[in-house]
Amino acid sequence: MAYQAEAQSTHKLLRKGNKLYEEQHYSDAEANYKKALLKDSSSATGLFNLGNALYHQKRYKEAFARYEQNLKDKTLSKQDIS
C-alpha cells in the first residue's frame, strides 16, 4: 500500500512538472521533476523531462547528463532481463 501511495505521489509531481513545463516555467518544472526523482530515482520519464527542463534553461551539460543517465538505466534494465 505504501508503494502505491509513493508511486501516485511521484506521478502527481511529474504531472505538476509537466504543467509548469508547458507554461514555460522551466525552473519550477525542474524542481518538481527532482522531487519526483527523489521518490523514484529510476523514473525514465522523470529523468527525460528533467533533461528537457534543464535544456530550456540553457544548462546543456546538465541536460545531457540526465539524458545519458536515462540511457544507461535503460541499458542496465535490458541487461538484467537477459
C-alpha atoms as a PDB file:
ATOM      1  CA  MET A   1       0.000   0.000   0.000  1.00  0.00           C
ATOM      2  CA  ALA A   2       2.841   2.413   0.834  1.00  0.00           C
ATOM      3  CA  TYR A   3       4.491   1.698  -2.537  1.00  0.00           C
ATOM      4  CA  GLN A   4       1.249   2.544  -4.347  1.00  0.00           C
ATOM      5  CA  ALA A   5       0.931   5.855  -2.468  1.00  0.00           C
ATOM      6  CA  GLU A   6       4.548   6.704  -3.291  1.00  0.00           C
ATOM      7  CA  ALA A   7       4.003   5.891  -6.970  1.00  0.00           C
ATOM      8  CA  GLN A   8       0.928   8.128  -7.052  1.00  0.00           C
ATOM      9  CA  SER A   9       2.881  10.906  -5.379  1.00  0.00           C
ATOM     10  CA  THR A  10       5.675  10.537  -7.939  1.00  0.00           C
ATOM     11  CA  HIS A  11       3.148  10.595 -10.764  1.00  0.00           C
ATOM     12  CA  LYS A  12       1.491  13.692  -9.306  1.00  0.00           C
ATOM     13  CA  LEU A  13       4.852  15.510  -9.119  1.00  0.00           C
ATOM     14  CA  LEU A  14       5.617  14.572 -12.718  1.00  0.00           C
ATOM     15  CA  ARG A  15       2.213  15.864 -13.864  1.00  0.00           C
ATOM     16  CA  LYS A  16       2.737  19.122 -11.975  1.00  0.00           C
ATOM     17  CA  GLY A  17       6.193  19.443 -13.531  1.00  0.00           C
ATOM     18  CA  ASN A  18       4.712  18.828 -16.973  1.00  0.00           C
ATOM     19  CA  LYS A  19       2.109  21.557 -16.447  1.00  0.00           C
ATOM     20  CA  LEU A  20       4.804  24.013 -15.368  1.00  0.00           C
ATOM     21  CA  TYR A  21       6.964  22.978 -18.315  1.00  0.00           C
ATOM     22  CA  GLU A  22       4.080  23.611 -20.728  1.00  0.00           C
ATOM     23  CA  GLU A  23       3.708  27.068 -19.161  1.00  0.00           C
ATOM     24  CA  GLN A  24       7.444  27.599 -19.768  1.00  0.00           C
ATOM     25  CA  HIS A  25       8.242  27.750 -16.037  1.00  0.00           C
ATOM     26  CA  TYR A  26      11.280  25.564 -16.544  1.00  0.00           C
ATOM     27  CA  SER A  27      12.986  26.095 -13.187  1.00  0.00           C
ATOM     28  CA  ASP A  28       9.767  25.249 -11.320  1.00  0.00           C
ATOM     29  CA  ALA A  29       9.272  22.204 -13.545  1.00  0.00           C
ATOM     30  CA  GLU A  30      12.863  21.185 -12.775  1.00  0.00           C
ATOM     31  CA  ALA A  31      12.143  21.339  -9.049  1.00  0.00           C
ATOM     32  CA  ASN A  32       9.107  19.050  -9.401  1.00  0.00           C
ATOM     33  CA  TYR A  33      10.981  16.551 -11.565  1.00  0.00           C
ATOM     34  CA  LYS A  34      13.787  16.446  -8.994  1.00  0.00           C
ATOM     35  CA  LYS A  35      11.263  15.843  -6.193  1.00  0.00           C
ATOM     36  CA  ALA A  36       9.733  13.012  -8.216  1.00  0.00           C
ATOM     37  CA  LEU A  37      13.181  11.510  -8.773  1.00  0.00           C
ATOM     38  CA  LEU A  38      13.877  11.605  -5.044  1.00  0.00           C
ATOM     39  CA  LYS A  39      10.885   9.291  -4.646  1.00  0.00           C
ATOM     40  CA  ASP A  40      11.700   7.129  -7.686  1.00  0.00           C
ATOM     41  CA  SER A  41      15.253   7.595  -8.946  1.00  0.00           C
ATOM     42  CA  SER A  42      14.696   5.121 -11.790  1.00  0.00           C
ATOM     43  CA  SER A  43      11.842   7.057 -13.394  1.00  0.00           C
ATOM     44  CA  ALA A  44      12.724   7.271 -17.087  1.00  0.00           C
ATOM     45  CA  THR A  45      10.047   9.919 -17.562  1.00  0.00           C
ATOM     46  CA  GLY A  46      11.406  11.977 -14.674  1.00  0.00           C
ATOM     47  CA  LEU A  47      14.972  11.854 -15.985  1.00  0.00           C
ATOM     48  CA  PHE A  48      13.964  12.689 -19.551  1.00  0.00           C
ATOM     49  CA  ASN A  49      11.680  15.550 -18.518  1.00  0.00           C
ATOM     50  CA  LEU A  50      14.312  16.917 -16.153  1.00  0.00           C
ATOM     51  CA  GLY A  51      16.753  16.891 -19.051  1.00  0.00           C
ATOM     52  CA  ASN A  52      14.288  18.853 -21.158  1.00  0.00           C
ATOM     53  CA  ALA A  53      13.698  21.432 -18.416  1.00  0.00           C
ATOM     54  CA  LEU A  54      17.452  21.889 -17.975  1.00  0.00           C
ATOM     55  CA  TYR A  55      17.934  22.187 -21.739  1.00  0.00           C
ATOM     56  CA  HIS A  56      15.386  25.002 -21.953  1.00  0.00           C
ATOM     57  CA  GLN A  57      17.344  26.818 -19.236  1.00  0.00           C
ATOM     58  CA  LYS A  58      20.447  26.535 -21.462  1.00  0.00           C
ATOM     59  CA  ARG A  59      22.072  24.162 -18.959  1.00  0.00           C
ATOM     60  CA  TYR A  60      23.160  21.834 -21.721  1.00  0.00           C
ATOM     61  CA  LYS A  61      25.801  19.810 -19.862  1.00  0.00           C
ATOM     62  CA  GLU A  62      23.371  19.021 -17.058  1.00  0.00           C
ATOM     63  CA  ALA A  63      20.646  18.154 -19.565  1.00  0.00           C
ATOM     64  CA  PHE A  64      22.981  15.845 -21.456  1.00  0.00           C
ATOM     65  CA  ALA A  65      23.941  14.126 -18.184  1.00  0.00           C
ATOM     66  CA  ARG A  66      20.264  13.385 -17.436  1.00  0.00           C
ATOM     67  CA  TYR A  67      19.684  12.008 -20.942  1.00  0.00           C
ATOM     68  CA  GLU A  68      22.820   9.895 -20.633  1.00  0.00           C
ATOM     69  CA  GLN A  69      21.761   8.630 -17.192  1.00  0.00           C
ATOM     70  CA  ASN A  70      18.382   7.679 -18.621  1.00  0.00           C
ATOM     71  CA  LEU A  71      20.023   5.684 -21.423  1.00  0.00           C
ATOM     72  CA  LYS A  72      22.395   3.928 -19.012  1.00  0.00           C
ATOM     73  CA  ASP A  73      19.488   2.975 -16.732  1.00  0.00           C
ATOM     74  CA  LYS A  74      17.595   1.531 -19.716  1.00  0.00           C
ATOM     75  CA  THR A  75      20.683  -0.402 -20.826  1.00  0.00           C
ATOM     76  CA  LEU A  76      21.139  -1.837 -17.335  1.00  0.00           C
ATOM     77  CA  SER A  77      17.488  -2.856 -17.195  1.00  0.00           C
ATOM     78  CA  LYS A  78      17.774  -4.697 -20.515  1.00  0.00           C
ATOM     79  CA  GLN A  79      20.929  -6.480 -19.315  1.00  0.00           C
ATOM     80  CA  ASP A  80      19.124  -7.603 -16.163  1.00  0.00           C
ATOM     81  CA  ILE A  81      16.390  -9.204 -18.266  1.00  0.00           C
ATOM     82  CA  SER A  82      18.782 -11.229 -20.458  1.00  0.00           C
END
